[in-house]
Amino acid sequence: KSLDHFIRWLALLAGDAAMTLQAYGGVYLASNISAILKDYLEASDFRRVFEEKGRLAHFMRPIPIYIVTAAFPALTGCAAALVAKS
C-alpha cells in the first residue's frame, strides 16, 4: 500500500513538472529507486495518474516517460561531452 502511494505521488509530481515545464520531449525518471521499481512502475497506474490533468489531459498523453536504468548516467553524459569537445 505504501508503494502504491509513493507511485501515485511520483506520478502527480512528475505530471505537474511536465506540464509546468512543457516537457514535450519526455520525462526522465533517473533515480535508483525508479530503476529498481521499473517493472512495478510499468504495471502500476503511474501513466494514468500522470495524465490526469482534467481539461489539459490531452497535453499529457503524448509526453513519453523514460526510466533511466544506467548505473551512473551523469558520469556517462559528462564523459560523452568531454569526448565530443576533444
PDB file of N, CA and C in Angstrom:
ATOM      1  N   LYS A   1       0.824  -1.190   0.000  1.00  0.00           N
ATOM      2  CA  LYS A   1       0.000   0.000   0.000  1.00  0.00           C
ATOM      3  C   LYS A   1       0.870   1.257   0.000  1.00  0.00           C
ATOM      4  N   SER A   2       1.937   1.252   0.780  1.00  0.00           N
ATOM      5  CA  SER A   2       2.853   2.396   0.821  1.00  0.00           C
ATOM      6  C   SER A   2       3.494   2.625  -0.538  1.00  0.00           C
ATOM      7  N   LEU A   3       3.859   1.547  -1.205  1.00  0.00           N
ATOM      8  CA  LEU A   3       4.469   1.659  -2.525  1.00  0.00           C
ATOM      9  C   LEU A   3       3.484   2.254  -3.530  1.00  0.00           C
ATOM     10  N   ASP A   4       2.234   1.870  -3.442  1.00  0.00           N
ATOM     11  CA  ASP A   4       1.213   2.434  -4.325  1.00  0.00           C
ATOM     12  C   ASP A   4       1.044   3.938  -4.094  1.00  0.00           C
ATOM     13  N   HIS A   5       1.095   4.359  -2.833  1.00  0.00           N
ATOM     14  CA  HIS A   5       1.016   5.792  -2.515  1.00  0.00           C
ATOM     15  C   HIS A   5       2.237   6.525  -3.083  1.00  0.00           C
ATOM     16  N   PHE A   6       3.400   5.927  -2.923  1.00  0.00           N
ATOM     17  CA  PHE A   6       4.624   6.530  -3.454  1.00  0.00           C
ATOM     18  C   PHE A   6       4.519   6.710  -4.974  1.00  0.00           C
ATOM     19  N   ILE A   7       4.066   5.674  -5.667  1.00  0.00           N
ATOM     20  CA  ILE A   7       3.933   5.718  -7.123  1.00  0.00           C
ATOM     21  C   ILE A   7       2.936   6.805  -7.519  1.00  0.00           C
ATOM     22  N   ARG A   8       1.847   6.899  -6.803  1.00  0.00           N
ATOM     23  CA  ARG A   8       0.836   7.923  -7.109  1.00  0.00           C
ATOM     24  C   ARG A   8       1.407   9.330  -6.947  1.00  0.00           C
ATOM     25  N   TRP A   9       2.104   9.579  -5.841  1.00  0.00           N
ATOM     26  CA  TRP A   9       2.690  10.904  -5.621  1.00  0.00           C
ATOM     27  C   TRP A   9       3.787  11.203  -6.635  1.00  0.00           C
ATOM     28  N   LEU A  10       4.563  10.201  -6.987  1.00  0.00           N
ATOM     29  CA  LEU A  10       5.594  10.389  -8.009  1.00  0.00           C
ATOM     30  C   LEU A  10       4.949  10.772  -9.336  1.00  0.00           C
ATOM     31  N   ALA A  11       3.876  10.102  -9.690  1.00  0.00           N
ATOM     32  CA  ALA A  11       3.164  10.402 -10.939  1.00  0.00           C
ATOM     33  C   ALA A  11       2.554  11.801 -10.908  1.00  0.00           C
ATOM     34  N   LEU A  12       1.968  12.180  -9.783  1.00  0.00           N
ATOM     35  CA  LEU A  12       1.385  13.518  -9.663  1.00  0.00           C
ATOM     36  C   LEU A  12       2.450  14.599  -9.818  1.00  0.00           C
ATOM     37  N   LEU A  13       3.564  14.434  -9.127  1.00  0.00           N
ATOM     38  CA  LEU A  13       4.639  15.428  -9.195  1.00  0.00           C
ATOM     39  C   LEU A  13       5.295  15.463 -10.573  1.00  0.00           C
ATOM     40  N   ALA A  14       5.520  14.298 -11.154  1.00  0.00           N
ATOM     41  CA  ALA A  14       6.116  14.247 -12.491  1.00  0.00           C
ATOM     42  C   ALA A  14       5.175  14.885 -13.510  1.00  0.00           C
ATOM     43  N   GLY A  15       3.890  14.641 -13.373  1.00  0.00           N
ATOM     44  CA  GLY A  15       2.915  15.248 -14.275  1.00  0.00           C
ATOM     45  C   GLY A  15       2.861  16.759 -14.125  1.00  0.00           C
ATOM     46  N   ASP A  16       2.878  17.236 -12.895  1.00  0.00           N
ATOM     47  CA  ASP A  16       2.872  18.684 -12.665  1.00  0.00           C
ATOM     48  C   ASP A  16       4.131  19.333 -13.238  1.00  0.00           C
ATOM     49  N   ALA A  17       5.275  18.696 -13.024  1.00  0.00           N
ATOM     50  CA  ALA A  17       6.536  19.238 -13.547  1.00  0.00           C
ATOM     51  C   ALA A  17       6.534  19.233 -15.073  1.00  0.00           C
ATOM     52  N   ALA A  18       6.039  18.159 -15.669  1.00  0.00           N
ATOM     53  CA  ALA A  18       5.990  18.062 -17.132  1.00  0.00           C
ATOM     54  C   ALA A  18       5.079  19.134 -17.715  1.00  0.00           C
ATOM     55  N   MET A  19       3.974  19.384 -17.069  1.00  0.00           N
ATOM     56  CA  MET A  19       3.034  20.386 -17.562  1.00  0.00           C
ATOM     57  C   MET A  19       3.617  21.793 -17.373  1.00  0.00           C
ATOM     58  N   THR A  20       4.228  22.031 -16.227  1.00  0.00           N
ATOM     59  CA  THR A  20       4.799  23.343 -15.943  1.00  0.00           C
ATOM     60  C   THR A  20       5.948  23.672 -16.890  1.00  0.00           C
ATOM     61  N   LEU A  21       6.808  22.685 -17.129  1.00  0.00           N
ATOM     62  CA  LEU A  21       7.995  22.903 -17.956  1.00  0.00           C
ATOM     63  C   LEU A  21       7.769  22.599 -19.432  1.00  0.00           C
ATOM     64  N   GLN A  22       6.541  22.191 -19.776  1.00  0.00           N
ATOM     65  CA  GLN A  22       6.195  21.816 -21.148  1.00  0.00           C
ATOM     66  C   GLN A  22       7.212  20.800 -21.689  1.00  0.00           C
ATOM     67  N   ALA A  23       7.337  19.709 -20.981  1.00  0.00           N
ATOM     68  CA  ALA A  23       8.337  18.678 -21.272  1.00  0.00           C
ATOM     69  C   ALA A  23       7.872  17.755 -22.391  1.00  0.00           C
ATOM     70  N   TYR A  24       7.643  18.311 -23.572  1.00  0.00           N
ATOM     71  CA  TYR A  24       7.118  17.511 -24.678  1.00  0.00           C
ATOM     72  C   TYR A  24       8.122  16.483 -25.177  1.00  0.00           C
ATOM     73  N   GLY A  25       9.410  16.685 -24.877  1.00  0.00           N
ATOM     74  CA  GLY A  25      10.429  15.709 -25.266  1.00  0.00           C
ATOM     75  C   GLY A  25      10.466  14.497 -24.360  1.00  0.00           C
ATOM     76  N   GLY A  26       9.793  14.581 -23.233  1.00  0.00           N
ATOM     77  CA  GLY A  26       9.717  13.443 -22.333  1.00  0.00           C
ATOM     78  C   GLY A  26      10.111  13.768 -20.916  1.00  0.00           C
ATOM     79  N   VAL A  27       9.747  12.869 -20.041  1.00  0.00           N
ATOM     80  CA  VAL A  27      10.099  12.936 -18.619  1.00  0.00           C
ATOM     81  C   VAL A  27      11.019  11.755 -18.341  1.00  0.00           C
ATOM     82  N   TYR A  28      12.153  12.045 -17.743  1.00  0.00           N
ATOM     83  CA  TYR A  28      13.142  11.012 -17.429  1.00  0.00           C
ATOM     84  C   TYR A  28      13.156  10.781 -15.924  1.00  0.00           C
ATOM     85  N   LEU A  29      12.823   9.580 -15.515  1.00  0.00           N
ATOM     86  CA  LEU A  29      12.891   9.206 -14.108  1.00  0.00           C
ATOM     87  C   LEU A  29      14.273   8.592 -13.902  1.00  0.00           C
ATOM     88  N   ALA A  30      15.169   9.391 -13.383  1.00  0.00           N
ATOM     89  CA  ALA A  30      16.565   8.966 -13.269  1.00  0.00           C
ATOM     90  C   ALA A  30      16.958   8.845 -11.802  1.00  0.00           C
ATOM     91  N   SER A  31      16.489   7.812 -11.178  1.00  0.00           N
ATOM     92  CA  SER A  31      16.865   7.550  -9.794  1.00  0.00           C
ATOM     93  C   SER A  31      17.012   6.046  -9.621  1.00  0.00           C
ATOM     94  N   ASN A  32      17.758   5.684  -8.637  1.00  0.00           N
ATOM     95  CA  ASN A  32      17.974   4.258  -8.376  1.00  0.00           C
ATOM     96  C   ASN A  32      16.652   3.561  -8.064  1.00  0.00           C
ATOM     97  N   ILE A  33      15.784   4.241  -7.328  1.00  0.00           N
ATOM     98  CA  ILE A  33      14.505   3.605  -6.976  1.00  0.00           C
ATOM     99  C   ILE A  33      13.629   3.402  -8.207  1.00  0.00           C
ATOM    100  N   SER A  34      13.686   4.332  -9.167  1.00  0.00           N
ATOM    101  CA  SER A  34      12.915   4.158 -10.400  1.00  0.00           C
ATOM    102  C   SER A  34      13.418   2.955 -11.186  1.00  0.00           C
ATOM    103  N   ALA A  35      14.732   2.797 -11.234  1.00  0.00           N
ATOM    104  CA  ALA A  35      15.307   1.657 -11.949  1.00  0.00           C
ATOM    105  C   ALA A  35      14.929   0.339 -11.270  1.00  0.00           C
ATOM    106  N   ILE A  36      14.961   0.329  -9.945  1.00  0.00           N
ATOM    107  CA  ILE A  36      14.620  -0.885  -9.200  1.00  0.00           C
ATOM    108  C   ILE A  36      13.133  -1.224  -9.379  1.00  0.00           C
ATOM    109  N   LEU A  37      12.299  -0.203  -9.408  1.00  0.00           N
ATOM    110  CA  LEU A  37      10.851  -0.408  -9.498  1.00  0.00           C
ATOM    111  C   LEU A  37      10.328  -0.353 -10.931  1.00  0.00           C
ATOM    112  N   LYS A  38      11.189  -0.451 -11.917  1.00  0.00           N
ATOM    113  CA  LYS A  38      10.812  -0.305 -13.322  1.00  0.00           C
ATOM    114  C   LYS A  38       9.594  -1.156 -13.697  1.00  0.00           C
ATOM    115  N   ASP A  39       9.657  -2.441 -13.421  1.00  0.00           N
ATOM    116  CA  ASP A  39       8.542  -3.331 -13.766  1.00  0.00           C
ATOM    117  C   ASP A  39       7.270  -2.952 -13.018  1.00  0.00           C
ATOM    118  N   TYR A  40       7.416  -2.605 -11.746  1.00  0.00           N
ATOM    119  CA  TYR A  40       6.255  -2.220 -10.949  1.00  0.00           C
ATOM    120  C   TYR A  40       5.654  -0.916 -11.468  1.00  0.00           C
ATOM    121  N   LEU A  41       6.506   0.047 -11.824  1.00  0.00           N
ATOM    122  CA  LEU A  41       6.026   1.315 -12.380  1.00  0.00           C
ATOM    123  C   LEU A  41       5.240   1.087 -13.664  1.00  0.00           C
ATOM    124  N   GLU A  42       5.776   0.240 -14.529  1.00  0.00           N
ATOM    125  CA  GLU A  42       5.119  -0.022 -15.804  1.00  0.00           C
ATOM    126  C   GLU A  42       3.779  -0.742 -15.633  1.00  0.00           C
ATOM    127  N   ALA A  43       3.647  -1.556 -14.597  1.00  0.00           N
ATOM    128  CA  ALA A  43       2.405  -2.288 -14.347  1.00  0.00           C
ATOM    129  C   ALA A  43       1.406  -1.483 -13.510  1.00  0.00           C
ATOM    130  N   SER A  44       1.870  -0.415 -12.883  1.00  0.00           N
ATOM    131  CA  SER A  44       1.003   0.362 -11.990  1.00  0.00           C
ATOM    132  C   SER A  44       0.163   1.360 -12.787  1.00  0.00           C
ATOM    133  N   ASP A  45      -0.580   2.185 -12.061  1.00  0.00           N
ATOM    134  CA  ASP A  45      -1.389   3.223 -12.707  1.00  0.00           C
ATOM    135  C   ASP A  45      -0.626   4.539 -12.820  1.00  0.00           C
ATOM    136  N   PHE A  46       0.700   4.466 -12.825  1.00  0.00           N
ATOM    137  CA  PHE A  46       1.544   5.657 -12.928  1.00  0.00           C
ATOM    138  C   PHE A  46       1.148   6.514 -14.127  1.00  0.00           C
ATOM    139  N   ARG A  47       1.048   5.901 -15.305  1.00  0.00           N
ATOM    140  CA  ARG A  47       0.744   6.645 -16.522  1.00  0.00           C
ATOM    141  C   ARG A  47      -0.622   7.327 -16.434  1.00  0.00           C
ATOM    142  N   ARG A  48      -1.609   6.621 -15.923  1.00  0.00           N
ATOM    143  CA  ARG A  48      -2.955   7.188 -15.807  1.00  0.00           C
ATOM    144  C   ARG A  48      -2.949   8.398 -14.883  1.00  0.00           C
ATOM    145  N   VAL A  49      -2.281   8.270 -13.746  1.00  0.00           N
ATOM    146  CA  VAL A  49      -2.219   9.380 -12.789  1.00  0.00           C
ATOM    147  C   VAL A  49      -1.413  10.539 -13.375  1.00  0.00           C
ATOM    148  N   PHE A  50      -0.333  10.228 -14.074  1.00  0.00           N
ATOM    149  CA  PHE A  50       0.495  11.240 -14.730  1.00  0.00           C
ATOM    150  C   PHE A  50      -0.350  12.084 -15.687  1.00  0.00           C
ATOM    151  N   GLU A  51      -1.255  11.451 -16.408  1.00  0.00           N
ATOM    152  CA  GLU A  51      -2.067  12.133 -17.418  1.00  0.00           C
ATOM    153  C   GLU A  51      -3.302  12.813 -16.850  1.00  0.00           C
ATOM    154  N   GLU A  52      -3.695  12.516 -15.620  1.00  0.00           N
ATOM    155  CA  GLU A  52      -4.915  13.081 -15.027  1.00  0.00           C
ATOM    156  C   GLU A  52      -4.743  14.567 -14.744  1.00  0.00           C
ATOM    157  N   LYS A  53      -5.059  15.387 -15.724  1.00  0.00           N
ATOM    158  CA  LYS A  53      -4.953  16.835 -15.550  1.00  0.00           C
ATOM    159  C   LYS A  53      -6.226  17.529 -16.019  1.00  0.00           C
ATOM    160  N   GLY A  54      -7.343  16.840 -15.878  1.00  0.00           N
ATOM    161  CA  GLY A  54      -8.627  17.430 -16.236  1.00  0.00           C
ATOM    162  C   GLY A  54      -8.679  17.822 -17.705  1.00  0.00           C
ATOM    163  N   ARG A  55      -9.048  19.082 -17.961  1.00  0.00           N
ATOM    164  CA  ARG A  55      -9.165  19.564 -19.338  1.00  0.00           C
ATOM    165  C   ARG A  55      -7.833  19.544 -20.088  1.00  0.00           C
ATOM    166  N   LEU A  56      -6.732  19.513 -19.373  1.00  0.00           N
ATOM    167  CA  LEU A  56      -5.410  19.545 -20.008  1.00  0.00           C
ATOM    168  C   LEU A  56      -4.811  18.161 -20.221  1.00  0.00           C
ATOM    169  N   ALA A  57      -5.580  17.123 -19.966  1.00  0.00           N
ATOM    170  CA  ALA A  57      -5.064  15.755 -20.105  1.00  0.00           C
ATOM    171  C   ALA A  57      -4.574  15.468 -21.517  1.00  0.00           C
ATOM    172  N   HIS A  58      -5.186  16.092 -22.514  1.00  0.00           N
ATOM    173  CA  HIS A  58      -4.760  15.833 -23.896  1.00  0.00           C
ATOM    174  C   HIS A  58      -3.345  16.341 -24.167  1.00  0.00           C
ATOM    175  N   PHE A  59      -2.852  17.292 -23.366  1.00  0.00           N
ATOM    176  CA  PHE A  59      -1.463  17.730 -23.495  1.00  0.00           C
ATOM    177  C   PHE A  59      -0.496  16.704 -22.919  1.00  0.00           C
ATOM    178  N   MET A  60      -0.969  15.921 -21.961  1.00  0.00           N
ATOM    179  CA  MET A  60      -0.104  14.981 -21.248  1.00  0.00           C
ATOM    180  C   MET A  60       0.066  13.653 -21.982  1.00  0.00           C
ATOM    181  N   ARG A  61      -0.947  13.237 -22.722  1.00  0.00           N
ATOM    182  CA  ARG A  61      -0.919  11.915 -23.361  1.00  0.00           C
ATOM    183  C   ARG A  61       0.288  11.676 -24.254  1.00  0.00           C
ATOM    184  N   PRO A  62       0.704  12.638 -25.090  1.00  0.00           N
ATOM    185  CA  PRO A  62       1.837  12.354 -25.978  1.00  0.00           C
ATOM    186  C   PRO A  62       3.216  12.453 -25.307  1.00  0.00           C
ATOM    187  N   ILE A  63       3.283  12.895 -24.056  1.00  0.00           N
ATOM    188  CA  ILE A  63       4.584  13.046 -23.395  1.00  0.00           C
ATOM    189  C   ILE A  63       5.109  11.672 -22.997  1.00  0.00           C
ATOM    190  N   PRO A  64       6.262  11.284 -23.541  1.00  0.00           N
ATOM    191  CA  PRO A  64       6.821   9.975 -23.169  1.00  0.00           C
ATOM    192  C   PRO A  64       7.458  10.017 -21.783  1.00  0.00           C
ATOM    193  N   ILE A  65       7.488   8.870 -21.145  1.00  0.00           N
ATOM    194  CA  ILE A  65       8.140   8.726 -19.843  1.00  0.00           C
ATOM    195  C   ILE A  65       9.238   7.683 -20.003  1.00  0.00           C
ATOM    196  N   TYR A  66      10.445   8.058 -19.618  1.00  0.00           N
ATOM    197  CA  TYR A  66      11.593   7.164 -19.712  1.00  0.00           C
ATOM    198  C   TYR A  66      12.104   6.855 -18.312  1.00  0.00           C
ATOM    199  N   ILE A  67      12.467   5.613 -18.097  1.00  0.00           N
ATOM    200  CA  ILE A  67      13.071   5.210 -16.835  1.00  0.00           C
ATOM    201  C   ILE A  67      14.541   4.921 -17.115  1.00  0.00           C
ATOM    202  N   VAL A  68      15.400   5.730 -16.549  1.00  0.00           N
ATOM    203  CA  VAL A  68      16.838   5.587 -16.759  1.00  0.00           C
ATOM    204  C   VAL A  68      17.350   4.466 -15.867  1.00  0.00           C
ATOM    205  N   THR A  69      17.969   3.471 -16.486  1.00  0.00           N
ATOM    206  CA  THR A  69      18.453   2.319 -15.720  1.00  0.00           C
ATOM    207  C   THR A  69      19.981   2.254 -15.672  1.00  0.00           C
ATOM    208  N   ALA A  70      20.654   3.202 -16.303  1.00  0.00           N
ATOM    209  CA  ALA A  70      22.124   3.218 -16.279  1.00  0.00           C
ATOM    210  C   ALA A  70      22.610   3.438 -14.853  1.00  0.00           C
ATOM    211  N   ALA A  71      23.722   2.806 -14.526  1.00  0.00           N
ATOM    212  CA  ALA A  71      24.247   2.903 -13.159  1.00  0.00           C
ATOM    213  C   ALA A  71      24.711   4.321 -12.821  1.00  0.00           C
ATOM    214  N   PHE A  72      25.396   4.977 -13.730  1.00  0.00           N
ATOM    215  CA  PHE A  72      25.929   6.319 -13.485  1.00  0.00           C
ATOM    216  C   PHE A  72      25.645   7.220 -14.691  1.00  0.00           C
ATOM    217  N   PRO A  73      24.384   7.573 -14.917  1.00  0.00           N
ATOM    218  CA  PRO A  73      24.055   8.324 -16.124  1.00  0.00           C
ATOM    219  C   PRO A  73      24.714   9.698 -16.197  1.00  0.00           C
ATOM    220  N   ALA A  74      24.883  10.360 -15.075  1.00  0.00           N
ATOM    221  CA  ALA A  74      25.515  11.684 -15.091  1.00  0.00           C
ATOM    222  C   ALA A  74      26.973  11.588 -15.529  1.00  0.00           C
ATOM    223  N   LEU A  75      27.679  10.595 -15.019  1.00  0.00           N
ATOM    224  CA  LEU A  75      29.085  10.428 -15.399  1.00  0.00           C
ATOM    225  C   LEU A  75      29.212  10.023 -16.864  1.00  0.00           C
ATOM    226  N   THR A  76      28.284   9.210 -17.343  1.00  0.00           N
ATOM    227  CA  THR A  76      28.290   8.810 -18.748  1.00  0.00           C
ATOM    228  C   THR A  76      28.073  10.031 -19.639  1.00  0.00           C
ATOM    229  N   GLY A  77      27.166  10.893 -19.255  1.00  0.00           N
ATOM    230  CA  GLY A  77      26.918  12.123 -20.012  1.00  0.00           C
ATOM    231  C   GLY A  77      28.103  13.057 -19.998  1.00  0.00           C
ATOM    232  N   CYS A  78      28.748  13.192 -18.843  1.00  0.00           N
ATOM    233  CA  CYS A  78      29.939  14.042 -18.752  1.00  0.00           C
ATOM    234  C   CYS A  78      31.054  13.495 -19.637  1.00  0.00           C
ATOM    235  N   ALA A  79      31.262  12.185 -19.608  1.00  0.00           N
ATOM    236  CA  ALA A  79      32.300  11.571 -20.443  1.00  0.00           C
ATOM    237  C   ALA A  79      32.003  11.793 -21.924  1.00  0.00           C
ATOM    238  N   ALA A  80      30.742  11.671 -22.323  1.00  0.00           N
ATOM    239  CA  ALA A  80      30.363  11.898 -23.714  1.00  0.00           C
ATOM    240  C   ALA A  80      30.621  13.348 -24.117  1.00  0.00           C
ATOM    241  N   ALA A  81      30.338  14.276 -23.225  1.00  0.00           N
ATOM    242  CA  ALA A  81      30.581  15.695 -23.515  1.00  0.00           C
ATOM    243  C   ALA A  81      32.071  15.974 -23.661  1.00  0.00           C
ATOM    244  N   LEU A  82      32.890  15.357 -22.820  1.00  0.00           N
ATOM    245  CA  LEU A  82      34.336  15.545 -22.916  1.00  0.00           C
ATOM    246  C   LEU A  82      34.889  14.991 -24.218  1.00  0.00           C
ATOM    247  N   VAL A  83      34.408  13.822 -24.614  1.00  0.00           N
ATOM    248  CA  VAL A  83      34.855  13.219 -25.874  1.00  0.00           C
ATOM    249  C   VAL A  83      34.449  14.086 -27.057  1.00  0.00           C
ATOM    250  N   ALA A  84      33.252  14.653 -26.990  1.00  0.00           N
ATOM    251  CA  ALA A  84      32.753  15.490 -28.093  1.00  0.00           C
ATOM    252  C   ALA A  84      33.570  16.776 -28.229  1.00  0.00           C
ATOM    253  N   LYS A  85      34.089  17.301 -27.120  1.00  0.00           N
ATOM    254  CA  LYS A  85      34.887  18.534 -27.155  1.00  0.00           C
ATOM    255  C   LYS A  85      36.298  18.307 -27.674  1.00  0.00           C
ATOM    256  N   SER A  86      36.793  17.077 -27.570  1.00  0.00           N
ATOM    257  CA  SER A  86      38.189  16.840 -27.980  1.00  0.00           C
ATOM    258  C   SER A  86      38.315  16.351 -29.389  1.00  0.00           C
TER     259      SER A  86
END
